Amino acid sequence: MIRTFGIIILAVAVFIGLQSVYTVSETEQALILRLGEPVDAVNEVGEPDPGLHFKPPFIMEVLTFDKRNIELDLDPEEILASDQERLIVDAFLRYRITDPLRFYQTFRDERGARVRLQQIMDDSLRGVIASIPSSEVISGQRAELMDRVQAAVEDQVRTGSFGIEVIDVRILRADLPQQIAENVFQRMRSERDQEAARIRAEGEQRAAEIRANADRQAAIIEAEARAESERIRGEGDARQNQIFAEAYSRDEEFFAFYRSMLAYQQAMGDGTPIVIPPDSEFFNYFRSETGQ
């Protein structure tokens, strides 16, 4: 009997002892409740305190929350862009619990947080995508789009004071439904072709203007060069005549002889026949002094 009673006491002591201790791992943070009311937090973000802890038995409850980044995947959904095209958007959110007390007061558990964050993500995605055309979403401007969605989510989370921090927002896919994708892509190609044709026409027009201006400048430069060459040639001829005149005035007989020699050189090339009377003035310097 005494032995049995001792065993019971020992079992009760062990049970009470187990109710008086709890363990918090490095990847968790704990919230201590007294009769359902939160009174303390253990191993919070920025205040590491993992390991074995003690509490009064029975009257206190320990709730643990993940201290690591938590991923929330959204189901693909249809969202209208500003051009009223429907897009299939697949995205996810990563967040971290930074204030377990506030998190518990707001959501109670991660399931409640999941429901609220899904609503926030849905509102943010629809709000941002509704403000831009589908072509910008499909064409690859995902980085700017994700930044805008994350900013919208963070703004709502900050306003709600949920005790969480948004780590990342990613859009995995944002495509048109298969049945209308080909029509939209064809329209986009047509718009790009028209834009390319417009740019090409403007380039050809600009090139024609540049060529015309270059031709006009070339003509002006050529005309000015021709006028300058004529002026220089005129000055040279005038100077030549002046030199000839000065030479003639110094020795008229020698000048007449020199000019006759030049005339002979130009007129009597190799094999050039000349029909002229022998007593012609042209051969004046070929006759002897005796007149023969």
C-alpha atoms as a PDB file:
ATOM      1  CA  MET A   1       0.000   0.000   0.000  1.00  0.00           C
ATOM      2  CA  ILE A   2       2.731   2.412   0.981  1.00  0.00           C
ATOM      3  CA  ARG A   3       4.680   1.460  -2.123  1.00  0.00           C
ATOM      4  CA  THR A   4       1.683   2.120  -4.337  1.00  0.00           C
ATOM      5  CA  PHE A   5       1.095   5.492  -2.708  1.00  0.00           C
ATOM      6  CA  GLY A   6       4.742   6.398  -3.273  1.00  0.00           C
ATOM      7  CA  ILE A   7       4.500   5.522  -6.908  1.00  0.00           C
ATOM      8  CA  ILE A   8       1.428   7.736  -7.251  1.00  0.00           C
ATOM      9  CA  ILE A   9       3.176  10.631  -5.568  1.00  0.00           C
ATOM     10  CA  LEU A  10       6.199  10.178  -7.794  1.00  0.00           C
ATOM     11  CA  ALA A  11       4.014  10.100 -10.903  1.00  0.00           C
ATOM     12  CA  VAL A  12       2.220  13.264  -9.803  1.00  0.00           C
ATOM     13  CA  ALA A  13       5.555  14.961  -9.112  1.00  0.00           C
ATOM     14  CA  VAL A  14       6.860  13.987 -12.536  1.00  0.00           C
ATOM     15  CA  PHE A  15       3.675  15.218 -14.171  1.00  0.00           C
ATOM     16  CA  ILE A  16       3.846  18.539 -12.327  1.00  0.00           C
ATOM     17  CA  GLY A  17       7.524  18.801 -13.201  1.00  0.00           C
ATOM     18  CA  LEU A  18       6.767  18.272 -16.874  1.00  0.00           C
ATOM     19  CA  GLN A  19       4.083  20.942 -16.698  1.00  0.00           C
ATOM     20  CA  SER A  20       6.603  23.357 -15.167  1.00  0.00           C
ATOM     21  CA  VAL A  21       9.201  23.269 -17.963  1.00  0.00           C
ATOM     22  CA  TYR A  22       9.142  23.880 -21.702  1.00  0.00           C
ATOM     23  CA  THR A  23      11.751  23.998 -24.466  1.00  0.00           C
ATOM     24  CA  VAL A  24      12.055  26.583 -27.246  1.00  0.00           C
ATOM     25  CA  SER A  25      14.233  25.650 -30.218  1.00  0.00           C
ATOM     26  CA  GLU A  26      16.372  28.120 -32.158  1.00  0.00           C
ATOM     27  CA  THR A  27      13.872  28.130 -35.018  1.00  0.00           C
ATOM     28  CA  GLU A  28      10.889  28.965 -32.793  1.00  0.00           C
ATOM     29  CA  GLN A  29       9.619  31.788 -30.644  1.00  0.00           C
ATOM     30  CA  ALA A  30       7.163  31.237 -27.821  1.00  0.00           C
ATOM     31  CA  LEU A  31       4.265  33.194 -26.370  1.00  0.00           C
ATOM     32  CA  ILE A  32       3.312  32.535 -22.727  1.00  0.00           C
ATOM     33  CA  LEU A  33      -0.405  32.712 -21.878  1.00  0.00           C
ATOM     34  CA  ARG A  34      -1.815  32.927 -18.354  1.00  0.00           C
ATOM     35  CA  LEU A  35      -5.410  31.821 -18.325  1.00  0.00           C
ATOM     36  CA  GLY A  36      -5.629  32.645 -22.030  1.00  0.00           C
ATOM     37  CA  GLU A  37      -4.030  36.088 -21.762  1.00  0.00           C
ATOM     38  CA  PRO A  38      -0.512  36.669 -23.202  1.00  0.00           C
ATOM     39  CA  VAL A  39       2.018  37.724 -20.574  1.00  0.00           C
ATOM     40  CA  ASP A  40       5.464  37.120 -22.087  1.00  0.00           C
ATOM     41  CA  ALA A  41       7.368  36.210 -25.269  1.00  0.00           C
ATOM     42  CA  VAL A  42      10.490  34.071 -25.422  1.00  0.00           C
ATOM     43  CA  ASN A  43      13.220  33.875 -28.099  1.00  0.00           C
ATOM     44  CA  GLU A  44      11.760  36.701 -30.173  1.00  0.00           C
ATOM     45  CA  VAL A  45      13.459  38.035 -33.306  1.00  0.00           C
ATOM     46  CA  GLY A  46      16.340  40.158 -32.098  1.00  0.00           C
ATOM     47  CA  GLU A  47      16.197  38.688 -28.581  1.00  0.00           C
ATOM     48  CA  PRO A  48      17.570  35.110 -28.825  1.00  0.00           C
ATOM     49  CA  ASP A  49      16.859  32.935 -25.787  1.00  0.00           C
ATOM     50  CA  PRO A  50      16.378  29.302 -26.919  1.00  0.00           C
ATOM     51  CA  GLY A  51      16.569  26.289 -24.637  1.00  0.00           C
ATOM     52  CA  LEU A  52      14.858  25.066 -21.486  1.00  0.00           C
ATOM     53  CA  HIS A  53      12.531  27.428 -19.592  1.00  0.00           C
ATOM     54  CA  PHE A  54      10.332  27.197 -16.495  1.00  0.00           C
ATOM     55  CA  LYS A  55       6.750  28.282 -15.868  1.00  0.00           C
ATOM     56  CA  PRO A  56       4.082  27.763 -13.207  1.00  0.00           C
ATOM     57  CA  PRO A  57       2.222  24.547 -13.958  1.00  0.00           C
ATOM     58  CA  PHE A  58      -1.386  24.367 -15.165  1.00  0.00           C
ATOM     59  CA  ILE A  59      -2.127  28.095 -15.173  1.00  0.00           C
ATOM     60  CA  MET A  60       0.229  28.958 -18.035  1.00  0.00           C
ATOM     61  CA  GLU A  61       0.139  27.795 -21.658  1.00  0.00           C
ATOM     62  CA  VAL A  62       2.965  27.983 -24.207  1.00  0.00           C
ATOM     63  CA  LEU A  63       2.280  28.723 -27.867  1.00  0.00           C
ATOM     64  CA  THR A  64       5.142  28.440 -30.361  1.00  0.00           C
ATOM     65  CA  PHE A  65       5.491  30.239 -33.698  1.00  0.00           C
ATOM     66  CA  ASP A  66       8.010  29.718 -36.459  1.00  0.00           C
ATOM     67  CA  LYS A  67      10.916  32.142 -36.276  1.00  0.00           C
ATOM     68  CA  ARG A  68      12.065  31.439 -39.822  1.00  0.00           C
ATOM     69  CA  ASN A  69      10.761  32.929 -43.055  1.00  0.00           C
ATOM     70  CA  ILE A  70       7.298  31.555 -43.870  1.00  0.00           C
ATOM     71  CA  GLU A  71       6.213  31.101 -47.473  1.00  0.00           C
ATOM     72  CA  LEU A  72       2.647  31.714 -48.589  1.00  0.00           C
ATOM     73  CA  ASP A  73       1.807  30.364 -52.053  1.00  0.00           C
ATOM     74  CA  LEU A  74      -1.228  31.784 -53.814  1.00  0.00           C
ATOM     75  CA  ASP A  75      -3.361  29.779 -56.183  1.00  0.00           C
ATOM     76  CA  PRO A  76      -3.229  31.029 -59.812  1.00  0.00           C
ATOM     77  CA  GLU A  77      -6.040  33.505 -60.424  1.00  0.00           C
ATOM     78  CA  GLU A  78      -7.403  35.649 -63.239  1.00  0.00           C
ATOM     79  CA  ILE A  79      -6.791  39.405 -62.956  1.00  0.00           C
ATOM     80  CA  LEU A  80      -7.868  42.159 -65.365  1.00  0.00           C
ATOM     81  CA  ALA A  81      -5.190  44.534 -66.656  1.00  0.00           C
ATOM     82  CA  SER A  82      -5.908  48.169 -67.529  1.00  0.00           C
ATOM     83  CA  ASP A  83      -6.670  47.201 -71.156  1.00  0.00           C
ATOM     84  CA  GLN A  84      -9.284  44.723 -69.874  1.00  0.00           C
ATOM     85  CA  GLU A  85      -7.200  41.702 -70.871  1.00  0.00           C
ATOM     86  CA  ARG A  86      -7.423  38.765 -68.468  1.00  0.00           C
ATOM     87  CA  LEU A  87      -4.131  37.498 -67.054  1.00  0.00           C
ATOM     88  CA  ILE A  88      -3.407  34.291 -65.161  1.00  0.00           C
ATOM     89  CA  VAL A  89      -1.188  35.375 -62.251  1.00  0.00           C
ATOM     90  CA  ASP A  90       0.707  32.995 -59.980  1.00  0.00           C
ATOM     91  CA  ALA A  91       2.570  34.589 -57.046  1.00  0.00           C
ATOM     92  CA  PHE A  92       3.865  33.910 -53.559  1.00  0.00           C
ATOM     93  CA  LEU A  93       4.793  35.855 -50.431  1.00  0.00           C
ATOM     94  CA  ARG A  94       7.503  35.327 -47.808  1.00  0.00           C
ATOM     95  CA  TYR A  95       7.095  36.852 -44.371  1.00  0.00           C
ATOM     96  CA  ARG A  96       8.485  36.561 -40.837  1.00  0.00           C
ATOM     97  CA  ILE A  97       6.807  36.900 -37.454  1.00  0.00           C
ATOM     98  CA  THR A  98       8.590  39.718 -35.640  1.00  0.00           C
ATOM     99  CA  ASP A  99       6.139  40.308 -32.761  1.00  0.00           C
ATOM    100  CA  PRO A 100       4.479  37.073 -31.573  1.00  0.00           C
ATOM    101  CA  LEU A 101       2.242  38.951 -29.128  1.00  0.00           C
ATOM    102  CA  ARG A 102       0.826  41.232 -31.822  1.00  0.00           C
ATOM    103  CA  PHE A 103       0.629  38.313 -34.238  1.00  0.00           C
ATOM    104  CA  TYR A 104      -1.404  36.284 -31.723  1.00  0.00           C
ATOM    105  CA  GLN A 105      -3.705  39.195 -30.933  1.00  0.00           C
ATOM    106  CA  THR A 106      -4.362  39.737 -34.636  1.00  0.00           C
ATOM    107  CA  PHE A 107      -4.491  36.239 -36.136  1.00  0.00           C
ATOM    108  CA  ARG A 108      -4.343  33.728 -33.234  1.00  0.00           C
ATOM    109  CA  ASP A 109      -2.389  31.298 -35.458  1.00  0.00           C
ATOM    110  CA  GLU A 110      -0.704  30.937 -38.845  1.00  0.00           C
ATOM    111  CA  ARG A 111      -3.905  29.766 -40.491  1.00  0.00           C
ATOM    112  CA  GLY A 112      -5.572  33.063 -39.660  1.00  0.00           C
ATOM    113  CA  ALA A 113      -2.510  34.926 -40.944  1.00  0.00           C
ATOM    114  CA  ARG A 114      -2.612  32.921 -44.167  1.00  0.00           C
ATOM    115  CA  VAL A 115      -6.228  33.894 -44.847  1.00  0.00           C
ATOM    116  CA  ARG A 116      -5.598  37.611 -44.183  1.00  0.00           C
ATOM    117  CA  LEU A 117      -2.347  37.748 -46.160  1.00  0.00           C
ATOM    118  CA  GLN A 118      -3.991  36.016 -49.108  1.00  0.00           C
ATOM    119  CA  GLN A 119      -6.600  38.774 -49.137  1.00  0.00           C
ATOM    120  CA  ILE A 120      -3.909  41.444 -48.952  1.00  0.00           C
ATOM    121  CA  MET A 121      -1.889  39.835 -51.759  1.00  0.00           C
ATOM    122  CA  ASP A 122      -4.995  39.498 -53.905  1.00  0.00           C
ATOM    123  CA  ASP A 123      -5.948  43.161 -53.365  1.00  0.00           C
ATOM    124  CA  SER A 124      -2.400  44.355 -54.068  1.00  0.00           C
ATOM    125  CA  LEU A 125      -2.000  42.267 -57.224  1.00  0.00           C
ATOM    126  CA  ARG A 126      -5.329  43.385 -58.614  1.00  0.00           C
ATOM    127  CA  GLY A 127      -4.678  47.027 -57.751  1.00  0.00           C
ATOM    128  CA  VAL A 128      -1.249  47.152 -59.385  1.00  0.00           C
ATOM    129  CA  ILE A 129      -2.034  45.051 -62.475  1.00  0.00           C
ATOM    130  CA  ALA A 130      -5.273  46.969 -63.060  1.00  0.00           C
ATOM    131  CA  SER A 131      -3.207  50.145 -63.462  1.00  0.00           C
ATOM    132  CA  ILE A 132      -0.982  48.895 -66.317  1.00  0.00           C
ATOM    133  CA  PRO A 133      -1.670  47.277 -69.714  1.00  0.00           C
ATOM    134  CA  SER A 134      -1.216  43.555 -70.163  1.00  0.00           C
ATOM    135  CA  SER A 135       1.599  44.094 -72.674  1.00  0.00           C
ATOM    136  CA  GLU A 136       3.819  45.586 -69.952  1.00  0.00           C
ATOM    137  CA  VAL A 137       3.150  42.642 -67.662  1.00  0.00           C
ATOM    138  CA  ILE A 138       3.837  40.057 -70.363  1.00  0.00           C
ATOM    139  CA  SER A 139       6.824  41.834 -71.919  1.00  0.00           C
ATOM    140  CA  GLY A 140       9.046  41.116 -68.926  1.00  0.00           C
ATOM    141  CA  GLN A 141       8.824  44.189 -66.677  1.00  0.00           C
ATOM    142  CA  ARG A 142       8.401  41.864 -63.704  1.00  0.00           C
ATOM    143  CA  ALA A 143      10.952  43.495 -61.391  1.00  0.00           C
ATOM    144  CA  GLU A 144       9.156  46.848 -61.330  1.00  0.00           C
ATOM    145  CA  LEU A 145       5.795  45.084 -61.072  1.00  0.00           C
ATOM    146  CA  MET A 146       6.904  42.979 -58.093  1.00  0.00           C
ATOM    147  CA  ASP A 147       8.368  46.042 -56.369  1.00  0.00           C
ATOM    148  CA  ARG A 148       5.038  47.829 -56.676  1.00  0.00           C
ATOM    149  CA  VAL A 149       3.084  44.815 -55.403  1.00  0.00           C
ATOM    150  CA  GLN A 150       5.468  44.367 -52.459  1.00  0.00           C
ATOM    151  CA  ALA A 151       5.183  48.056 -51.588  1.00  0.00           C
ATOM    152  CA  ALA A 152       1.373  47.761 -51.609  1.00  0.00           C
ATOM    153  CA  VAL A 153       1.467  44.651 -49.399  1.00  0.00           C
ATOM    154  CA  GLU A 154       3.930  46.237 -46.964  1.00  0.00           C
ATOM    155  CA  ASP A 155       1.754  49.334 -46.722  1.00  0.00           C
ATOM    156  CA  GLN A 156      -1.305  47.289 -45.679  1.00  0.00           C
ATOM    157  CA  VAL A 157       0.744  45.144 -43.282  1.00  0.00           C
ATOM    158  CA  ARG A 158       2.245  48.253 -41.706  1.00  0.00           C
ATOM    159  CA  THR A 159      -1.161  49.888 -41.385  1.00  0.00           C
ATOM    160  CA  GLY A 160      -2.651  46.762 -39.804  1.00  0.00           C
ATOM    161  CA  SER A 161       0.244  46.339 -37.349  1.00  0.00           C
ATOM    162  CA  PHE A 162       0.166  42.557 -37.703  1.00  0.00           C
ATOM    163  CA  GLY A 163       3.474  41.838 -35.992  1.00  0.00           C
ATOM    164  CA  ILE A 164       5.022  40.476 -39.203  1.00  0.00           C
ATOM    165  CA  GLU A 165       7.633  41.653 -41.700  1.00  0.00           C
ATOM    166  CA  VAL A 166       7.219  41.115 -45.443  1.00  0.00           C
ATOM    167  CA  ILE A 167      10.455  39.608 -46.762  1.00  0.00           C
ATOM    168  CA  ASP A 168       9.714  39.107 -50.443  1.00  0.00           C
ATOM    169  CA  VAL A 169       6.944  39.115 -53.036  1.00  0.00           C
ATOM    170  CA  ARG A 170       7.415  37.177 -56.267  1.00  0.00           C
ATOM    171  CA  ILE A 171       5.305  36.729 -59.379  1.00  0.00           C
ATOM    172  CA  LEU A 172       6.060  33.317 -60.833  1.00  0.00           C
ATOM    173  CA  ARG A 173       3.824  33.643 -63.852  1.00  0.00           C
ATOM    174  CA  ALA A 174       1.670  36.310 -65.471  1.00  0.00           C
ATOM    175  CA  ASP A 175       0.330  35.070 -68.794  1.00  0.00           C
ATOM    176  CA  LEU A 176      -2.724  35.379 -70.950  1.00  0.00           C
ATOM    177  CA  PRO A 177      -5.243  32.549 -71.007  1.00  0.00           C
ATOM    178  CA  GLN A 178      -4.338  30.153 -73.779  1.00  0.00           C
ATOM    179  CA  GLN A 179      -7.486  30.825 -75.803  1.00  0.00           C
ATOM    180  CA  ILE A 180      -6.745  34.525 -76.276  1.00  0.00           C
ATOM    181  CA  ALA A 181      -2.956  34.579 -76.072  1.00  0.00           C
ATOM    182  CA  GLU A 182      -2.401  34.124 -79.808  1.00  0.00           C
ATOM    183  CA  ASN A 183      -4.756  36.987 -80.738  1.00  0.00           C
ATOM    184  CA  VAL A 184      -3.089  39.330 -78.273  1.00  0.00           C
ATOM    185  CA  PHE A 185       0.400  38.382 -79.438  1.00  0.00           C
ATOM    186  CA  GLN A 186      -0.649  38.928 -83.035  1.00  0.00           C
ATOM    187  CA  ARG A 187      -1.969  42.382 -82.166  1.00  0.00           C
ATOM    188  CA  MET A 188       1.238  43.178 -80.299  1.00  0.00           C
ATOM    189  CA  ARG A 189       3.313  42.082 -83.304  1.00  0.00           C
ATOM    190  CA  SER A 190       1.182  44.265 -85.576  1.00  0.00           C
ATOM    191  CA  GLU A 191       1.633  47.261 -83.283  1.00  0.00           C
ATOM    192  CA  ARG A 192       5.386  46.679 -83.141  1.00  0.00           C
ATOM    193  CA  ASP A 193       5.537  46.356 -86.948  1.00  0.00           C
ATOM    194  CA  GLN A 194       3.660  49.648 -87.339  1.00  0.00           C
ATOM    195  CA  GLU A 195       5.963  51.334 -84.868  1.00  0.00           C
ATOM    196  CA  ALA A 196       9.011  49.939 -86.667  1.00  0.00           C
ATOM    197  CA  ALA A 197       7.649  51.150 -90.034  1.00  0.00           C
ATOM    198  CA  ARG A 198       7.057  54.613 -88.593  1.00  0.00           C
ATOM    199  CA  ILE A 199      10.558  54.806 -87.158  1.00  0.00           C
ATOM    200  CA  ARG A 200      12.031  53.488 -90.409  1.00  0.00           C
ATOM    201  CA  ALA A 201      10.109  56.102 -92.455  1.00  0.00           C
ATOM    202  CA  GLU A 202      11.257  58.880 -90.136  1.00  0.00           C
ATOM    203  CA  GLY A 203      14.832  57.620 -90.476  1.00  0.00           C
ATOM    204  CA  GLU A 204      14.641  57.537 -94.260  1.00  0.00           C
ATOM    205  CA  GLN A 205      13.172  61.049 -94.303  1.00  0.00           C
ATOM    206  CA  ARG A 206      15.915  62.303 -92.042  1.00  0.00           C
ATOM    207  CA  ALA A 207      18.545  60.558 -94.176  1.00  0.00           C
ATOM    208  CA  ALA A 208      17.116  62.195 -97.322  1.00  0.00           C
ATOM    209  CA  GLU A 209      17.233  65.601 -95.618  1.00  0.00           C
ATOM    210  CA  ILE A 210      20.849  65.018 -94.584  1.00  0.00           C
ATOM    211  CA  ARG A 211      21.829  63.899 -98.093  1.00  0.00           C
ATOM    212  CA  ALA A 212      20.061  66.879 -99.672  1.00  0.00           C
ATOM    213  CA  ASN A 213      21.775  69.259 -97.274  1.00  0.00           C
ATOM    214  CA  ALA A 214      25.144  67.602 -97.969  1.00  0.00           C
ATOM    215  CA  ASP A 215      24.600  67.855-101.744  1.00  0.00           C
ATOM    216  CA  ARG A 216      23.648  71.520-101.366  1.00  0.00           C
ATOM    217  CA  GLN A 217      26.723  72.245 -99.282  1.00  0.00           C
ATOM    218  CA  ALA A 218      28.909  70.362-101.780  1.00  0.00           C
ATOM    219  CA  ALA A 219      27.467  72.391-104.657  1.00  0.00           C
ATOM    220  CA  ILE A 220      28.092  75.635-102.777  1.00  0.00           C
ATOM    221  CA  ILE A 221      31.654  74.620-101.919  1.00  0.00           C
ATOM    222  CA  GLU A 222      32.317  73.524-105.518  1.00  0.00           C
ATOM    223  CA  ALA A 223      30.925  76.776-106.915  1.00  0.00           C
ATOM    224  CA  GLU A 224      32.993  78.815-104.489  1.00  0.00           C
ATOM    225  CA  ALA A 225      36.092  76.799-105.356  1.00  0.00           C
ATOM    226  CA  ARG A 226      35.450  77.248-109.093  1.00  0.00           C
ATOM    227  CA  ALA A 227      34.992  80.995-108.638  1.00  0.00           C
ATOM    228  CA  GLU A 228      38.171  81.154-106.581  1.00  0.00           C
ATOM    229  CA  SER A 229      40.095  79.183-109.223  1.00  0.00           C
ATOM    230  CA  GLU A 230      38.803  81.508-111.962  1.00  0.00           C
ATOM    231  CA  ARG A 231      39.857  84.500-109.929  1.00  0.00           C
ATOM    232  CA  ILE A 232      43.326  83.077-109.343  1.00  0.00           C
ATOM    233  CA  ARG A 233      43.635  82.109-113.026  1.00  0.00           C
ATOM    234  CA  GLY A 234      42.584  85.620-114.032  1.00  0.00           C
ATOM    235  CA  GLU A 235      45.164  87.104-111.710  1.00  0.00           C
ATOM    236  CA  GLY A 236      47.790  84.733-113.144  1.00  0.00           C
ATOM    237  CA  ASP A 237      46.914  85.660-116.722  1.00  0.00           C
ATOM    238  CA  ALA A 238      47.037  89.322-115.852  1.00  0.00           C
ATOM    239  CA  ARG A 239      50.415  88.868-114.221  1.00  0.00           C
ATOM    240  CA  GLN A 240      51.635  86.897-117.230  1.00  0.00           C
ATOM    241  CA  ASN A 241      50.545  89.644-119.605  1.00  0.00           C
ATOM    242  CA  GLN A 242      52.195  92.200-117.385  1.00  0.00           C
ATOM    243  CA  ILE A 243      55.472  90.236-117.470  1.00  0.00           C
ATOM    244  CA  PHE A 244      55.238  89.864-121.251  1.00  0.00           C
ATOM    245  CA  ALA A 245      54.559  93.575-121.611  1.00  0.00           C
ATOM    246  CA  GLU A 246      57.531  94.459-119.427  1.00  0.00           C
ATOM    247  CA  ALA A 247      59.749  92.052-121.364  1.00  0.00           C
ATOM    248  CA  TYR A 248      58.581  93.459-124.718  1.00  0.00           C
ATOM    249  CA  SER A 249      59.249  96.996-123.641  1.00  0.00           C
ATOM    250  CA  ARG A 250      62.817  96.084-122.640  1.00  0.00           C
ATOM    251  CA  ASP A 251      63.856  94.293-125.884  1.00  0.00           C
ATOM    252  CA  GLU A 252      61.223  94.264-128.612  1.00  0.00           C
ATOM    253  CA  GLU A 253      63.345  92.333-131.093  1.00  0.00           C
ATOM    254  CA  PHE A 254      64.257  89.558-128.653  1.00  0.00           C
ATOM    255  CA  PHE A 255      60.644  89.307-127.514  1.00  0.00           C
ATOM    256  CA  ALA A 256      59.467  88.938-131.118  1.00  0.00           C
ATOM    257  CA  PHE A 257      62.095  86.223-131.628  1.00  0.00           C
ATOM    258  CA  TYR A 258      61.056  84.409-128.432  1.00  0.00           C
ATOM    259  CA  ARG A 259      57.396  84.452-129.372  1.00  0.00           C
ATOM    260  CA  SER A 260      58.216  83.105-132.853  1.00  0.00           C
ATOM    261  CA  MET A 261      60.159  80.247-131.248  1.00  0.00           C
ATOM    262  CA  LEU A 262      57.183  79.408-129.083  1.00  0.00           C
ATOM    263  CA  ALA A 263      54.931  79.478-132.123  1.00  0.00           C
ATOM    264  CA  TYR A 264      57.300  77.125-134.002  1.00  0.00           C
ATOM    265  CA  GLN A 265      57.335  74.744-131.068  1.00  0.00           C
ATOM    266  CA  GLN A 266      53.552  74.591-130.911  1.00  0.00           C
ATOM    267  CA  ALA A 267      52.976  74.445-134.669  1.00  0.00           C
ATOM    268  CA  MET A 268      55.650  72.002-135.765  1.00  0.00           C
ATOM    269  CA  GLY A 269      55.150  68.840-133.751  1.00  0.00           C
ATOM    270  CA  ASP A 270      56.529  65.487-134.874  1.00  0.00           C
ATOM    271  CA  GLY A 271      55.013  64.577-138.242  1.00  0.00           C
ATOM    272  CA  THR A 272      52.940  67.743-138.480  1.00  0.00           C
ATOM    273  CA  PRO A 273      52.609  68.905-142.167  1.00  0.00           C
ATOM    274  CA  ILE A 274      52.605  72.680-142.699  1.00  0.00           C
ATOM    275  CA  VAL A 275      51.551  74.239-145.998  1.00  0.00           C
ATOM    276  CA  ILE A 276      52.689  77.843-146.089  1.00  0.00           C
ATOM    277  CA  PRO A 277      54.600  80.022-148.604  1.00  0.00           C
ATOM    278  CA  PRO A 278      58.343  80.127-147.858  1.00  0.00           C
ATOM    279  CA  ASP A 279      58.321  83.916-147.850  1.00  0.00           C
ATOM    280  CA  SER A 280      55.632  83.999-145.206  1.00  0.00           C
ATOM    281  CA  GLU A 281      56.228  86.158-142.164  1.00  0.00           C
ATOM    282  CA  PHE A 282      55.825  83.003-140.080  1.00  0.00           C
ATOM    283  CA  PHE A 283      59.269  81.753-141.205  1.00  0.00           C
ATOM    284  CA  ASN A 284      60.869  85.129-140.976  1.00  0.00           C
ATOM    285  CA  TYR A 285      63.602  83.861-138.623  1.00  0.00           C
ATOM    286  CA  PHE A 286      64.387  80.897-140.917  1.00  0.00           C
ATOM    287  CA  ARG A 287      65.531  83.113-143.777  1.00  0.00           C
ATOM    288  CA  SER A 288      69.195  84.091-144.104  1.00  0.00           C
ATOM    289  CA  GLU A 289      70.377  87.646-143.765  1.00  0.00           C
ATOM    290  CA  THR A 290      71.003  87.731-147.547  1.00  0.00           C
ATOM    291  CA  GLY A 291      67.307  87.115-148.147  1.00  0.00           C
ATOM    292  CA  GLN A 292      67.774  83.564-149.472  1.00  0.00           C
END
